[in-house]
Amino acid sequence: MLRGTLLLMVSITTVAAVGGGLGEGDLLFGVACEANAITAVTALDGLPVDHVAIYHEIGGLPFVLEAYPGHGVWLAPLDTMLARGSVVAARVAGVDVNSSITCAMRRVGQPYDELFDAEGEATYCSELVQQCYVDSAGRLVFEPIPMTFRDRDGQIPQQWIDLYARRGRPVPEGAPGSNPAALLRHPRVSSIIKVKP
């Protein structure tokens, strides 16, 4: 609860044309304006985070490197993400930024993973970060966690049941994976600022 409260009290900054203080490899977390299937099962207290992207500059211009529905893994101008709504930026301590960005760039063109399955060629947003962010020794910064599709009442929302039923699969409760809110909670994540209210 305290961490969620602190996140809401962070300073508000206007992002300038070239990122406004953002650094290469910073993580940008999308904050949902209303509850959805992802925030129902992963939200931080008081901060409904439902997406994560990587800040990456090319030729001095600001981009996001992300896995996004309808696009798969792609590079988009920073303004594309900022136009979607509130964004929280975070710096990751101990990350080898060059190696991590290189790994993530190799995935550009992969399809978006609607089933949030850590195996296979498709990729979802937090999976891109979790599987690509490494330290200077090449070790993962973010270890996989057991996925949960349960809400605060311990129930799996019907939306998740229906999604997996359409694919003839059970909801993968407990399978290894990641989610944006878990990345934001990680002890290596710091320097959190709200970059767009």
N, C-alpha and C. Protein backbone atom coordinates (compact mmCIF):
# COMPACT_ATOMS: atom_id res chain seq x y z
N MET A 1 0.83 -1.20 0.00
CA MET A 1 0.00 0.00 0.00
C MET A 1 0.86 1.25 0.00
N LEU A 2 1.93 1.25 0.83
CA LEU A 2 2.79 2.41 0.92
C LEU A 2 3.46 2.70 -0.42
N ARG A 3 3.95 1.63 -1.09
CA ARG A 3 4.61 1.84 -2.39
C ARG A 3 3.63 2.45 -3.39
N GLY A 4 2.39 1.95 -3.42
CA GLY A 4 1.39 2.50 -4.33
C GLY A 4 1.13 3.97 -4.03
N THR A 5 1.07 4.32 -2.74
CA THR A 5 0.85 5.71 -2.35
C THR A 5 2.02 6.58 -2.78
N LEU A 6 3.24 6.08 -2.58
CA LEU A 6 4.41 6.84 -2.99
C LEU A 6 4.43 7.06 -4.49
N LEU A 7 4.02 6.04 -5.26
CA LEU A 7 4.00 6.18 -6.71
C LEU A 7 3.05 7.28 -7.14
N LEU A 8 1.95 7.43 -6.43
CA LEU A 8 0.98 8.46 -6.79
C LEU A 8 1.45 9.85 -6.39
N MET A 9 2.42 9.91 -5.48
CA MET A 9 2.90 11.20 -5.00
C MET A 9 4.13 11.68 -5.78
N VAL A 10 4.55 10.92 -6.79
CA VAL A 10 5.76 11.30 -7.53
C VAL A 10 5.55 12.60 -8.27
N SER A 11 6.67 13.26 -8.60
CA SER A 11 6.58 14.55 -9.28
C SER A 11 6.10 14.37 -10.71
N ILE A 12 5.40 15.37 -11.21
CA ILE A 12 4.90 15.35 -12.59
C ILE A 12 5.86 16.17 -13.44
N THR A 13 6.26 15.58 -14.55
CA THR A 13 7.23 16.20 -15.44
C THR A 13 6.65 16.21 -16.84
N THR A 14 6.89 17.28 -17.58
CA THR A 14 6.48 17.30 -18.99
C THR A 14 7.63 16.72 -19.79
N VAL A 15 7.33 15.76 -20.65
CA VAL A 15 8.36 15.14 -21.46
C VAL A 15 8.65 16.05 -22.64
N ALA A 16 9.89 16.49 -22.77
CA ALA A 16 10.30 17.37 -23.87
C ALA A 16 10.45 16.56 -25.15
N ALA A 17 10.73 17.23 -26.23
CA ALA A 17 10.79 16.58 -27.54
C ALA A 17 11.77 15.41 -27.58
N VAL A 18 12.84 15.50 -26.80
CA VAL A 18 13.81 14.40 -26.85
C VAL A 18 13.81 13.60 -25.56
N GLY A 19 12.69 13.46 -24.93
CA GLY A 19 12.60 12.55 -23.80
C GLY A 19 12.56 13.20 -22.44
N GLY A 20 12.96 14.46 -22.30
CA GLY A 20 12.83 15.17 -21.04
C GLY A 20 13.43 14.47 -19.84
N GLY A 21 14.69 14.05 -19.91
CA GLY A 21 15.33 13.43 -18.77
C GLY A 21 15.24 11.92 -18.75
N LEU A 22 14.52 11.35 -19.68
CA LEU A 22 14.49 9.89 -19.77
C LEU A 22 15.84 9.40 -20.26
N GLY A 23 16.25 8.22 -19.77
CA GLY A 23 17.51 7.65 -20.18
C GLY A 23 17.31 6.38 -20.99
N GLU A 24 18.26 6.07 -21.85
CA GLU A 24 18.22 4.85 -22.65
C GLU A 24 17.96 3.64 -21.75
N GLY A 25 16.98 2.84 -22.11
CA GLY A 25 16.67 1.64 -21.34
C GLY A 25 15.72 1.85 -20.18
N ASP A 26 15.31 3.11 -19.91
CA ASP A 26 14.30 3.31 -18.88
C ASP A 26 13.03 2.57 -19.28
N LEU A 27 12.25 2.18 -18.30
CA LEU A 27 10.98 1.51 -18.57
C LEU A 27 9.84 2.50 -18.45
N LEU A 28 8.91 2.43 -19.38
CA LEU A 28 7.73 3.29 -19.39
C LEU A 28 6.51 2.42 -19.15
N PHE A 29 5.79 2.71 -18.08
CA PHE A 29 4.63 1.91 -17.69
C PHE A 29 3.35 2.67 -18.02
N GLY A 30 2.47 2.01 -18.78
CA GLY A 30 1.18 2.59 -19.10
C GLY A 30 0.22 2.40 -17.93
N VAL A 31 -0.48 3.47 -17.58
CA VAL A 31 -1.44 3.43 -16.48
C VAL A 31 -2.84 3.49 -17.08
N ALA A 32 -3.63 2.47 -16.84
CA ALA A 32 -4.97 2.39 -17.43
C ALA A 32 -5.89 3.45 -16.83
N CYS A 33 -6.73 4.06 -17.69
CA CYS A 33 -7.69 5.04 -17.18
C CYS A 33 -8.89 4.37 -16.52
N GLU A 34 -9.13 3.10 -16.86
CA GLU A 34 -10.20 2.36 -16.20
C GLU A 34 -9.77 0.90 -16.06
N ALA A 35 -10.40 0.20 -15.14
CA ALA A 35 -10.05 -1.19 -14.87
C ALA A 35 -10.22 -2.04 -16.12
N ASN A 36 -9.36 -3.03 -16.27
CA ASN A 36 -9.46 -3.97 -17.38
C ASN A 36 -9.02 -5.35 -16.90
N ALA A 37 -8.97 -6.32 -17.79
CA ALA A 37 -8.65 -7.70 -17.40
C ALA A 37 -7.27 -7.79 -16.77
N ILE A 38 -6.33 -6.99 -17.25
CA ILE A 38 -4.97 -7.05 -16.70
C ILE A 38 -4.91 -6.39 -15.33
N THR A 39 -5.46 -5.18 -15.19
CA THR A 39 -5.38 -4.50 -13.90
C THR A 39 -6.19 -5.23 -12.84
N ALA A 40 -7.21 -5.96 -13.24
CA ALA A 40 -8.02 -6.71 -12.27
C ALA A 40 -7.19 -7.75 -11.51
N VAL A 41 -6.12 -8.22 -12.15
CA VAL A 41 -5.33 -9.28 -11.51
C VAL A 41 -3.90 -8.87 -11.18
N THR A 42 -3.44 -7.68 -11.62
CA THR A 42 -2.04 -7.31 -11.37
C THR A 42 -1.82 -5.92 -10.81
N ALA A 43 -2.83 -5.09 -10.66
CA ALA A 43 -2.62 -3.68 -10.34
C ALA A 43 -1.90 -3.47 -9.01
N LEU A 44 -1.00 -2.48 -9.02
CA LEU A 44 -0.42 -2.00 -7.77
C LEU A 44 -1.51 -1.25 -7.03
N ASP A 45 -1.39 -1.18 -5.71
CA ASP A 45 -2.37 -0.42 -4.94
C ASP A 45 -2.38 1.02 -5.43
N GLY A 46 -3.52 1.45 -5.94
CA GLY A 46 -3.67 2.83 -6.36
C GLY A 46 -3.06 3.17 -7.70
N LEU A 47 -2.44 2.22 -8.40
CA LEU A 47 -1.82 2.52 -9.68
C LEU A 47 -2.08 1.37 -10.66
N PRO A 48 -3.11 1.48 -11.51
CA PRO A 48 -3.50 0.39 -12.41
C PRO A 48 -2.60 0.28 -13.65
N VAL A 49 -1.40 -0.24 -13.45
CA VAL A 49 -0.43 -0.40 -14.55
C VAL A 49 -0.83 -1.60 -15.39
N ASP A 50 -0.91 -1.41 -16.73
CA ASP A 50 -1.28 -2.54 -17.58
C ASP A 50 -0.38 -2.71 -18.80
N HIS A 51 0.71 -1.95 -18.88
CA HIS A 51 1.61 -2.06 -20.03
C HIS A 51 3.00 -1.58 -19.64
N VAL A 52 4.02 -2.12 -20.33
CA VAL A 52 5.38 -1.64 -20.13
C VAL A 52 6.08 -1.60 -21.49
N ALA A 53 6.89 -0.57 -21.69
CA ALA A 53 7.67 -0.39 -22.91
C ALA A 53 9.08 0.06 -22.51
N ILE A 54 9.99 -0.02 -23.46
CA ILE A 54 11.39 0.34 -23.24
C ILE A 54 11.66 1.66 -23.96
N TYR A 55 12.29 2.60 -23.25
CA TYR A 55 12.67 3.86 -23.88
C TYR A 55 13.97 3.65 -24.66
N HIS A 56 13.97 4.07 -25.93
CA HIS A 56 15.13 3.86 -26.80
C HIS A 56 15.27 5.04 -27.75
N GLU A 57 16.45 5.62 -27.81
CA GLU A 57 16.70 6.73 -28.71
C GLU A 57 17.39 6.25 -29.97
N ILE A 58 16.95 6.76 -31.10
CA ILE A 58 17.60 6.47 -32.38
C ILE A 58 17.88 7.82 -33.04
N GLY A 59 19.16 8.09 -33.28
CA GLY A 59 19.54 9.36 -33.88
C GLY A 59 19.09 10.55 -33.05
N GLY A 60 19.06 10.39 -31.73
CA GLY A 60 18.64 11.47 -30.84
C GLY A 60 17.14 11.65 -30.73
N LEU A 61 16.37 10.80 -31.41
CA LEU A 61 14.91 10.90 -31.36
C LEU A 61 14.35 9.85 -30.41
N PRO A 62 13.28 10.18 -29.66
CA PRO A 62 12.74 9.26 -28.65
C PRO A 62 11.73 8.27 -29.21
N PHE A 63 11.97 7.00 -28.91
CA PHE A 63 11.09 5.92 -29.33
C PHE A 63 10.74 5.04 -28.14
N VAL A 64 9.71 4.23 -28.31
CA VAL A 64 9.45 3.13 -27.38
C VAL A 64 9.60 1.84 -28.16
N LEU A 65 10.19 0.87 -27.52
CA LEU A 65 10.34 -0.48 -28.04
C LEU A 65 9.40 -1.31 -27.19
N GLU A 66 8.37 -1.88 -27.82
CA GLU A 66 7.33 -2.53 -27.04
C GLU A 66 6.68 -3.67 -27.80
N ALA A 67 6.04 -4.55 -27.06
CA ALA A 67 5.14 -5.56 -27.63
C ALA A 67 3.73 -5.03 -27.37
N TYR A 68 2.97 -4.82 -28.45
CA TYR A 68 1.67 -4.18 -28.30
C TYR A 68 0.65 -4.86 -29.20
N PRO A 69 -0.58 -5.05 -28.69
CA PRO A 69 -1.62 -5.70 -29.50
C PRO A 69 -1.81 -4.99 -30.85
N GLY A 70 -1.93 -5.80 -31.89
CA GLY A 70 -2.13 -5.25 -33.21
C GLY A 70 -0.84 -4.89 -33.94
N HIS A 71 0.26 -4.82 -33.20
CA HIS A 71 1.55 -4.46 -33.80
C HIS A 71 2.62 -5.51 -33.57
N GLY A 72 2.49 -6.30 -32.52
CA GLY A 72 3.58 -7.19 -32.14
C GLY A 72 4.71 -6.37 -31.53
N VAL A 73 5.94 -6.88 -31.65
CA VAL A 73 7.09 -6.13 -31.14
C VAL A 73 7.47 -5.12 -32.21
N TRP A 74 7.46 -3.84 -31.82
CA TRP A 74 7.73 -2.77 -32.77
C TRP A 74 8.37 -1.58 -32.10
N LEU A 75 8.91 -0.69 -32.92
CA LEU A 75 9.41 0.60 -32.47
C LEU A 75 8.38 1.65 -32.84
N ALA A 76 8.04 2.50 -31.90
CA ALA A 76 7.08 3.56 -32.17
C ALA A 76 7.60 4.86 -31.57
N PRO A 77 7.28 6.00 -32.17
CA PRO A 77 7.67 7.27 -31.55
C PRO A 77 7.12 7.35 -30.13
N LEU A 78 7.88 7.97 -29.24
CA LEU A 78 7.46 8.11 -27.84
C LEU A 78 6.05 8.71 -27.75
N ASP A 79 5.75 9.66 -28.61
CA ASP A 79 4.43 10.31 -28.58
C ASP A 79 3.28 9.32 -28.76
N THR A 80 3.54 8.21 -29.46
CA THR A 80 2.51 7.20 -29.66
C THR A 80 2.06 6.63 -28.33
N MET A 81 3.01 6.35 -27.45
CA MET A 81 2.66 5.82 -26.13
C MET A 81 2.05 6.91 -25.25
N LEU A 82 2.62 8.11 -25.30
CA LEU A 82 2.11 9.19 -24.45
C LEU A 82 0.68 9.56 -24.82
N ALA A 83 0.30 9.37 -26.09
CA ALA A 83 -1.06 9.70 -26.53
C ALA A 83 -2.08 8.73 -25.97
N ARG A 84 -1.64 7.57 -25.50
CA ARG A 84 -2.59 6.57 -24.97
C ARG A 84 -3.08 6.93 -23.57
N GLY A 85 -2.33 7.74 -22.82
CA GLY A 85 -2.74 8.07 -21.47
C GLY A 85 -1.56 8.25 -20.54
N SER A 86 -1.80 8.09 -19.25
CA SER A 86 -0.76 8.31 -18.25
C SER A 86 0.37 7.30 -18.37
N VAL A 87 1.58 7.80 -18.12
CA VAL A 87 2.78 6.97 -18.22
C VAL A 87 3.66 7.25 -17.01
N VAL A 88 4.22 6.20 -16.43
CA VAL A 88 5.17 6.31 -15.34
C VAL A 88 6.50 5.77 -15.85
N ALA A 89 7.58 6.53 -15.66
CA ALA A 89 8.91 6.08 -16.09
C ALA A 89 9.69 5.58 -14.89
N ALA A 90 10.53 4.57 -15.13
CA ALA A 90 11.34 4.00 -14.05
C ALA A 90 12.70 3.61 -14.59
N ARG A 91 13.71 3.78 -13.77
CA ARG A 91 15.07 3.38 -14.12
C ARG A 91 15.36 2.06 -13.43
N VAL A 92 16.08 1.19 -14.12
CA VAL A 92 16.42 -0.13 -13.59
C VAL A 92 17.89 -0.14 -13.20
N ALA A 93 18.20 -0.41 -11.95
CA ALA A 93 19.58 -0.45 -11.47
C ALA A 93 20.26 -1.76 -11.89
N GLY A 94 21.53 -1.65 -12.22
CA GLY A 94 22.34 -2.83 -12.50
C GLY A 94 22.07 -3.51 -13.82
N VAL A 95 21.40 -2.82 -14.74
CA VAL A 95 21.10 -3.43 -16.03
C VAL A 95 22.19 -3.07 -17.03
N ASP A 96 22.56 -4.02 -17.88
CA ASP A 96 23.46 -3.76 -19.00
C ASP A 96 22.56 -3.26 -20.13
N VAL A 97 22.47 -1.95 -20.25
CA VAL A 97 21.51 -1.34 -21.16
C VAL A 97 21.76 -1.76 -22.61
N ASN A 98 23.02 -1.72 -23.05
CA ASN A 98 23.30 -2.05 -24.45
C ASN A 98 22.91 -3.48 -24.79
N SER A 99 23.29 -4.43 -23.95
CA SER A 99 22.94 -5.83 -24.21
C SER A 99 21.44 -6.04 -24.17
N SER A 100 20.77 -5.38 -23.23
CA SER A 100 19.32 -5.55 -23.07
C SER A 100 18.56 -4.98 -24.26
N ILE A 101 18.96 -3.78 -24.72
CA ILE A 101 18.31 -3.17 -25.88
C ILE A 101 18.58 -4.01 -27.13
N THR A 102 19.80 -4.50 -27.28
CA THR A 102 20.13 -5.34 -28.44
C THR A 102 19.25 -6.58 -28.48
N CYS A 103 19.07 -7.22 -27.33
CA CYS A 103 18.21 -8.40 -27.24
C CYS A 103 16.78 -8.05 -27.64
N ALA A 104 16.27 -6.96 -27.10
CA ALA A 104 14.88 -6.56 -27.39
C ALA A 104 14.72 -6.19 -28.87
N MET A 105 15.72 -5.53 -29.46
CA MET A 105 15.64 -5.14 -30.87
C MET A 105 15.59 -6.37 -31.78
N ARG A 106 16.23 -7.45 -31.37
CA ARG A 106 16.19 -8.69 -32.17
C ARG A 106 14.77 -9.24 -32.28
N ARG A 107 13.90 -8.84 -31.38
CA ARG A 107 12.53 -9.36 -31.39
C ARG A 107 11.56 -8.52 -32.21
N VAL A 108 12.02 -7.39 -32.71
CA VAL A 108 11.14 -6.54 -33.52
C VAL A 108 10.60 -7.39 -34.68
N GLY A 109 9.29 -7.34 -34.87
CA GLY A 109 8.64 -8.11 -35.91
C GLY A 109 7.94 -9.36 -35.39
N GLN A 110 8.25 -9.76 -34.14
CA GLN A 110 7.54 -10.91 -33.58
C GLN A 110 6.08 -10.53 -33.31
N PRO A 111 5.16 -11.49 -33.42
CA PRO A 111 3.75 -11.18 -33.13
C PRO A 111 3.51 -10.97 -31.64
N TYR A 112 2.40 -10.30 -31.34
CA TYR A 112 1.99 -10.09 -29.94
C TYR A 112 1.40 -11.39 -29.40
N ASP A 113 1.74 -11.71 -28.18
CA ASP A 113 1.28 -12.94 -27.53
C ASP A 113 0.02 -12.68 -26.71
N GLU A 114 -1.13 -12.95 -27.29
CA GLU A 114 -2.41 -12.72 -26.62
C GLU A 114 -2.68 -13.71 -25.50
N LEU A 115 -1.94 -14.83 -25.48
CA LEU A 115 -2.15 -15.85 -24.44
C LEU A 115 -1.15 -15.76 -23.31
N PHE A 116 -0.24 -14.79 -23.38
CA PHE A 116 0.73 -14.56 -22.30
C PHE A 116 1.49 -15.84 -21.94
N ASP A 117 1.99 -16.49 -22.99
CA ASP A 117 2.72 -17.74 -22.85
C ASP A 117 4.21 -17.44 -23.03
N ALA A 118 5.02 -17.75 -22.04
CA ALA A 118 6.45 -17.42 -22.08
C ALA A 118 7.22 -18.26 -23.10
N GLU A 119 6.59 -19.28 -23.65
CA GLU A 119 7.23 -20.11 -24.68
C GLU A 119 6.78 -19.65 -26.06
N GLY A 120 7.52 -20.01 -27.08
CA GLY A 120 7.09 -19.73 -28.45
C GLY A 120 7.63 -18.43 -28.99
N GLU A 121 7.21 -18.10 -30.20
CA GLU A 121 7.74 -16.95 -30.94
C GLU A 121 7.00 -15.64 -30.66
N ALA A 122 5.80 -15.69 -30.14
CA ALA A 122 5.05 -14.47 -29.84
C ALA A 122 5.54 -13.90 -28.51
N THR A 123 5.38 -12.58 -28.34
CA THR A 123 5.89 -11.90 -27.15
C THR A 123 4.85 -10.92 -26.62
N TYR A 124 4.67 -10.87 -25.30
CA TYR A 124 3.82 -9.84 -24.69
C TYR A 124 4.71 -8.80 -24.01
N CYS A 125 4.13 -7.69 -23.60
CA CYS A 125 4.92 -6.51 -23.20
C CYS A 125 5.92 -6.78 -22.10
N SER A 126 5.49 -7.32 -20.97
CA SER A 126 6.43 -7.51 -19.87
C SER A 126 7.39 -8.66 -20.13
N GLU A 127 6.98 -9.61 -20.99
CA GLU A 127 7.88 -10.70 -21.38
C GLU A 127 9.09 -10.15 -22.13
N LEU A 128 8.88 -9.15 -22.99
CA LEU A 128 9.98 -8.54 -23.72
C LEU A 128 11.04 -8.02 -22.76
N VAL A 129 10.60 -7.33 -21.71
CA VAL A 129 11.52 -6.79 -20.71
C VAL A 129 12.10 -7.91 -19.87
N GLN A 130 11.26 -8.79 -19.36
CA GLN A 130 11.72 -9.85 -18.45
C GLN A 130 12.77 -10.74 -19.10
N GLN A 131 12.59 -11.07 -20.37
CA GLN A 131 13.52 -11.99 -21.02
C GLN A 131 14.73 -11.30 -21.63
N CYS A 132 14.70 -9.98 -21.76
CA CYS A 132 15.82 -9.28 -22.40
C CYS A 132 16.69 -8.48 -21.44
N TYR A 133 16.17 -8.08 -20.29
CA TYR A 133 16.97 -7.25 -19.39
C TYR A 133 17.94 -8.12 -18.59
N VAL A 134 19.24 -7.85 -18.83
CA VAL A 134 20.30 -8.62 -18.18
C VAL A 134 21.28 -7.67 -17.50
N ASP A 135 22.05 -8.22 -16.56
CA ASP A 135 23.10 -7.43 -15.93
C ASP A 135 24.41 -7.62 -16.70
N SER A 136 25.51 -7.08 -16.18
CA SER A 136 26.78 -7.12 -16.91
C SER A 136 27.34 -8.54 -17.04
N ALA A 137 26.85 -9.47 -16.22
CA ALA A 137 27.28 -10.88 -16.32
C ALA A 137 26.33 -11.69 -17.20
N GLY A 138 25.33 -11.03 -17.79
CA GLY A 138 24.39 -11.73 -18.66
C GLY A 138 23.27 -12.44 -17.93
N ARG A 139 23.13 -12.18 -16.61
CA ARG A 139 22.05 -12.80 -15.83
C ARG A 139 20.79 -11.96 -15.94
N LEU A 140 19.65 -12.63 -15.93
CA LEU A 140 18.37 -11.92 -15.98
C LEU A 140 18.23 -10.98 -14.79
N VAL A 141 17.81 -9.76 -15.05
CA VAL A 141 17.52 -8.81 -13.98
C VAL A 141 16.19 -9.18 -13.33
N PHE A 142 15.22 -9.58 -14.14
CA PHE A 142 13.88 -9.93 -13.66
C PHE A 142 13.65 -11.42 -13.88
N GLU A 143 13.66 -12.19 -12.83
CA GLU A 143 13.37 -13.63 -12.94
C GLU A 143 11.88 -13.81 -13.23
N PRO A 144 11.51 -14.90 -13.91
CA PRO A 144 10.08 -15.16 -14.12
C PRO A 144 9.38 -15.36 -12.77
N ILE A 145 8.11 -15.02 -12.74
CA ILE A 145 7.30 -15.22 -11.54
C ILE A 145 6.11 -16.11 -11.91
N PRO A 146 5.47 -16.75 -10.92
CA PRO A 146 4.25 -17.50 -11.24
C PRO A 146 3.14 -16.53 -11.66
N MET A 147 2.56 -16.77 -12.81
CA MET A 147 1.47 -15.92 -13.31
C MET A 147 0.22 -16.16 -12.46
N THR A 148 -0.53 -15.10 -12.24
CA THR A 148 -1.82 -15.27 -11.61
C THR A 148 -2.88 -14.54 -12.42
N PHE A 149 -4.00 -15.19 -12.55
CA PHE A 149 -5.13 -14.61 -13.27
C PHE A 149 -6.29 -14.39 -12.29
N ARG A 150 -5.99 -14.41 -11.01
CA ARG A 150 -7.02 -14.25 -9.98
C ARG A 150 -7.11 -12.80 -9.54
N ASP A 151 -8.35 -12.35 -9.32
CA ASP A 151 -8.56 -10.99 -8.84
C ASP A 151 -8.38 -10.93 -7.33
N ARG A 152 -8.66 -9.79 -6.74
CA ARG A 152 -8.46 -9.63 -5.29
C ARG A 152 -9.36 -10.53 -4.45
N ASP A 153 -10.44 -11.03 -5.05
CA ASP A 153 -11.33 -11.95 -4.35
C ASP A 153 -10.93 -13.40 -4.55
N GLY A 154 -9.83 -13.63 -5.28
CA GLY A 154 -9.36 -15.00 -5.50
C GLY A 154 -10.04 -15.70 -6.67
N GLN A 155 -10.86 -14.96 -7.43
CA GLN A 155 -11.58 -15.54 -8.55
C GLN A 155 -10.88 -15.23 -9.87
N ILE A 156 -10.98 -16.13 -10.83
CA ILE A 156 -10.47 -15.86 -12.17
C ILE A 156 -11.61 -15.19 -12.94
N PRO A 157 -11.42 -13.93 -13.38
CA PRO A 157 -12.48 -13.23 -14.11
C PRO A 157 -12.89 -14.00 -15.37
N GLN A 158 -14.17 -13.91 -15.69
CA GLN A 158 -14.74 -14.64 -16.83
C GLN A 158 -14.02 -14.32 -18.14
N GLN A 159 -13.53 -13.11 -18.27
CA GLN A 159 -12.82 -12.70 -19.47
C GLN A 159 -11.62 -13.61 -19.75
N TRP A 160 -10.88 -13.96 -18.70
CA TRP A 160 -9.73 -14.85 -18.86
C TRP A 160 -10.18 -16.27 -19.17
N ILE A 161 -11.20 -16.73 -18.49
CA ILE A 161 -11.72 -18.08 -18.74
C ILE A 161 -12.16 -18.21 -20.20
N ASP A 162 -12.90 -17.20 -20.69
CA ASP A 162 -13.39 -17.23 -22.07
C ASP A 162 -12.25 -17.17 -23.08
N LEU A 163 -11.24 -16.33 -22.82
CA LEU A 163 -10.12 -16.20 -23.75
C LEU A 163 -9.43 -17.54 -23.96
N TYR A 164 -9.12 -18.22 -22.87
CA TYR A 164 -8.40 -19.49 -22.98
C TYR A 164 -9.31 -20.62 -23.48
N ALA A 165 -10.58 -20.57 -23.12
CA ALA A 165 -11.53 -21.59 -23.61
C ALA A 165 -11.64 -21.54 -25.13
N ARG A 166 -11.64 -20.33 -25.70
CA ARG A 166 -11.70 -20.18 -27.16
C ARG A 166 -10.50 -20.83 -27.85
N ARG A 167 -9.39 -20.93 -27.14
CA ARG A 167 -8.19 -21.55 -27.70
C ARG A 167 -8.04 -23.01 -27.26
N GLY A 168 -9.06 -23.52 -26.53
CA GLY A 168 -9.02 -24.90 -26.08
C GLY A 168 -7.96 -25.16 -25.02
N ARG A 169 -7.68 -24.14 -24.22
CA ARG A 169 -6.64 -24.26 -23.19
C ARG A 169 -7.18 -23.84 -21.85
N PRO A 170 -6.64 -24.40 -20.77
CA PRO A 170 -7.01 -23.91 -19.45
C PRO A 170 -6.28 -22.60 -19.16
N VAL A 171 -6.80 -21.81 -18.25
CA VAL A 171 -6.10 -20.60 -17.81
C VAL A 171 -4.78 -21.06 -17.17
N PRO A 172 -3.63 -20.52 -17.60
CA PRO A 172 -2.34 -21.00 -17.13
C PRO A 172 -1.93 -20.44 -15.75
N GLU A 173 -2.82 -20.55 -14.80
CA GLU A 173 -2.54 -20.08 -13.44
C GLU A 173 -1.29 -20.76 -12.91
N GLY A 174 -0.33 -19.95 -12.44
CA GLY A 174 0.90 -20.48 -11.85
C GLY A 174 2.03 -20.74 -12.83
N ALA A 175 1.76 -20.62 -14.14
CA ALA A 175 2.83 -20.82 -15.12
C ALA A 175 3.85 -19.69 -15.00
N PRO A 176 5.12 -19.94 -15.33
CA PRO A 176 6.11 -18.87 -15.22
C PRO A 176 5.85 -17.76 -16.24
N GLY A 177 6.06 -16.53 -15.82
CA GLY A 177 5.83 -15.40 -16.71
C GLY A 177 6.18 -14.09 -16.04
N SER A 178 5.45 -13.05 -16.38
CA SER A 178 5.71 -11.72 -15.82
C SER A 178 4.48 -10.86 -16.03
N ASN A 179 4.48 -9.69 -15.40
CA ASN A 179 3.45 -8.70 -15.67
C ASN A 179 4.02 -7.32 -15.36
N PRO A 180 3.46 -6.27 -15.95
CA PRO A 180 4.04 -4.94 -15.75
C PRO A 180 4.11 -4.50 -14.29
N ALA A 181 3.06 -4.76 -13.52
CA ALA A 181 3.06 -4.31 -12.13
C ALA A 181 4.15 -5.01 -11.32
N ALA A 182 4.43 -6.28 -11.60
CA ALA A 182 5.50 -6.99 -10.89
C ALA A 182 6.85 -6.38 -11.23
N LEU A 183 7.05 -5.97 -12.49
CA LEU A 183 8.31 -5.31 -12.84
C LEU A 183 8.45 -4.00 -12.09
N LEU A 184 7.38 -3.23 -12.01
CA LEU A 184 7.42 -1.94 -11.32
C LEU A 184 7.67 -2.10 -9.82
N ARG A 185 7.25 -3.22 -9.25
CA ARG A 185 7.46 -3.49 -7.83
C ARG A 185 8.89 -3.99 -7.53
N HIS A 186 9.62 -4.41 -8.54
CA HIS A 186 10.91 -5.06 -8.35
C HIS A 186 11.89 -4.14 -7.61
N PRO A 187 12.70 -4.70 -6.70
CA PRO A 187 13.63 -3.86 -5.93
C PRO A 187 14.67 -3.13 -6.77
N ARG A 188 14.95 -3.59 -7.98
CA ARG A 188 15.94 -2.89 -8.82
C ARG A 188 15.35 -1.69 -9.55
N VAL A 189 14.05 -1.51 -9.46
CA VAL A 189 13.40 -0.39 -10.15
C VAL A 189 13.37 0.81 -9.21
N SER A 190 13.87 1.94 -9.73
CA SER A 190 13.94 3.14 -8.89
C SER A 190 13.74 4.38 -9.75
N SER A 191 13.97 5.53 -9.16
CA SER A 191 13.87 6.81 -9.86
C SER A 191 12.55 6.95 -10.59
N ILE A 192 11.48 6.64 -9.91
CA ILE A 192 10.17 6.64 -10.56
C ILE A 192 9.61 8.06 -10.62
N ILE A 193 9.22 8.47 -11.83
CA ILE A 193 8.58 9.78 -12.00
C ILE A 193 7.36 9.60 -12.90
N LYS A 194 6.37 10.37 -12.67
CA LYS A 194 5.21 10.33 -13.56
C LYS A 194 5.51 11.31 -14.69
N VAL A 195 5.60 10.82 -15.91
CA VAL A 195 5.99 11.68 -17.01
C VAL A 195 4.82 12.25 -17.77
N LYS A 196 3.65 11.70 -17.56
CA LYS A 196 2.45 12.29 -18.19
C LYS A 196 1.27 12.03 -17.28
N PRO A 197 0.60 13.09 -16.83
CA PRO A 197 -0.52 12.91 -15.90
C PRO A 197 -1.72 12.26 -16.56
